[in-house]
Amino acid sequence: MSSPSPETAAKQTGLRPLAEQIESTYERIGVTGAHKQVVFMILLGVFFDALEQNAVGITGPVLRESWGLDASGIGFLNTMTFTATALGRIATGLIVDRFGRRNMLTVNLIIFAVGSLICAFAPSYAVLAAGRFIVGFGLGGEIAVAVIMMAEFFSAKHRGTAVGLINVTAAGLGNMLAPAFGILVFTLFDGPDKWRWLFGLLFLPALLVMWFRRYVPETPRYLAATGQIDKCNEVLNRLATGKLAGAVPANEQYIIGAEQTQAATGSAGGTWKQIFTKKLLPRTIMLVIAVGMSYAAQISMLTLMPMILVSLGYAVNTSLWFTLLMQTGSLLGALTASVVANRFPRKLVLTLASVLGCGSGLAIAFMGSNIIFVLIFGVVFNYSIIVLNTTIWLFAPEQYPTRVRGFGTSIILAAGSLSGGLFPLIAGAVFDAGGIAAMFSVMAGLFVVLAISIRFVPETFGKPLQEDDNAIYGH
């Protein structure tokens, strides 16, 4: 296909703002085989990341028997993981805004794969904690890049579903199948060191994912926002024809004019200080609070529930089966969030899910002596958490222009990771002191704070992602 002349292209686009050019191009292209390949390659890594994220909770009962760790000791491993995840997300956010998105996919996988091997061969608790820190750093960057890239590869029509698929894969399939993975490993490998096999076997999928991802391109939004118009059009041609590998199959000029991007005359990325401007700071703070509450509830549940069930008298494998059953709520929640993302405003979904999470938390608190009620409301609790997390993952990148979207989104996700790393220590201490009733009463209160905080964030439902720093959504 021949490239139109600059005059023809200008007429076609009307020299519209960059955001409009990209959005109309995405709508014209639709969803092709190339989009599906990109989605598959991103989600493949996200799935194994979810297994790695659940590793502490799965191995917790075994480590307690093998090394004599208490709830605080297990909680500290989780704290190391998610504190590093927060740091990994912040570092990745700075890097991807300046040097691009795609390269960090591979770098983060390498980091977490190395951490997995360290955990598998750890001779002491200190080395295991250090390994979990390295794992966490890689995990943090991986999820941050996945959220940003999935948001930037699709139009507003498909963006909600695309980003939602991350949590369908991670919090849904990953969290649900993680206990099954633990059961399989602990069945095949017996003895006090069987937990080492679980960490070690997570190294192999990382190598597989790195191989598959070699054809993932840079996002057109990033290329256009940084003045790389020719490369942007090259990727758009690949997406349009459905071919990621080989020679560029077409040469149509979808995007024109370097003037549409401020970055064409400046640095390759925005400055991190823009996040703290009058327009962006309030929404960032409110989303930080919201995601902090959601992650605190989710990670406390993931980390402590297997151990709580063991403390109630159930065997390790039985507790993992019960945990798997409760994690079906995660899959249902992620699927629900993906479907409603294109139909209902973000803030409405977040409010309703917060009410459901608070109610189910209180139900577990007051009926925790009955395992049937724990399982039923555990499913509902996980369901509401993943609806919240999935919607926040979609909501966050919609708040920022392209040049600072990576850092802005990473700040919010990092806050969630930090909260998820620290709060299980509090939840574990509350459980040791007051049991399941006290722990879930505290976690129910987290949803109240979340529901209040999101009222102060601008609604973005149905709007295109912005490329211009001055075209940021207001209330």
Foldseek 3Di string as FASTA:
>chain_A
DDADDPVVLCVVCVPDFPLVLVQVLQVVLDFFLQNVLLLVLLLLVLLLLLLVLLLLQLCVVLCCVLVVDALLLSLLLLLLLLLLLLVLLLVLLVCCLFPNQQVLLLVLLVQLLVLLLQLLPPPDSVSNSVSSNSNSSSSNNSLLSLLLQLQQQHHLQQSLLSLLVSLLSRLAVNQLCSLVLSLVQCVVDDDSSSSSVSSNVSSVSSVVSSVSSPLNDTGLLLCLQQQNQQVSQQVSQCRSVNHSDDDRPDRYRSDDDSVSHPNPPPGSFDDLCLCVDPQNVLQLVLLLLLLLLLLLLVLLCSRCQLVLVVVVPDDSSVSSVLSSLLSNLSNVLSVVLSVCLQPDWLLVQLLVLLVQLLVLLQQCLVVVVDSVSCSVSSSSNNSSSNSNVSSSSSVQLLQAASRSSSNRSSNSVSSNSNSNSPSSSVLSVQCVVPNSNRSSNVSSVSSVSNSVSCVQHAICRPHTRHNDRVPGDDD
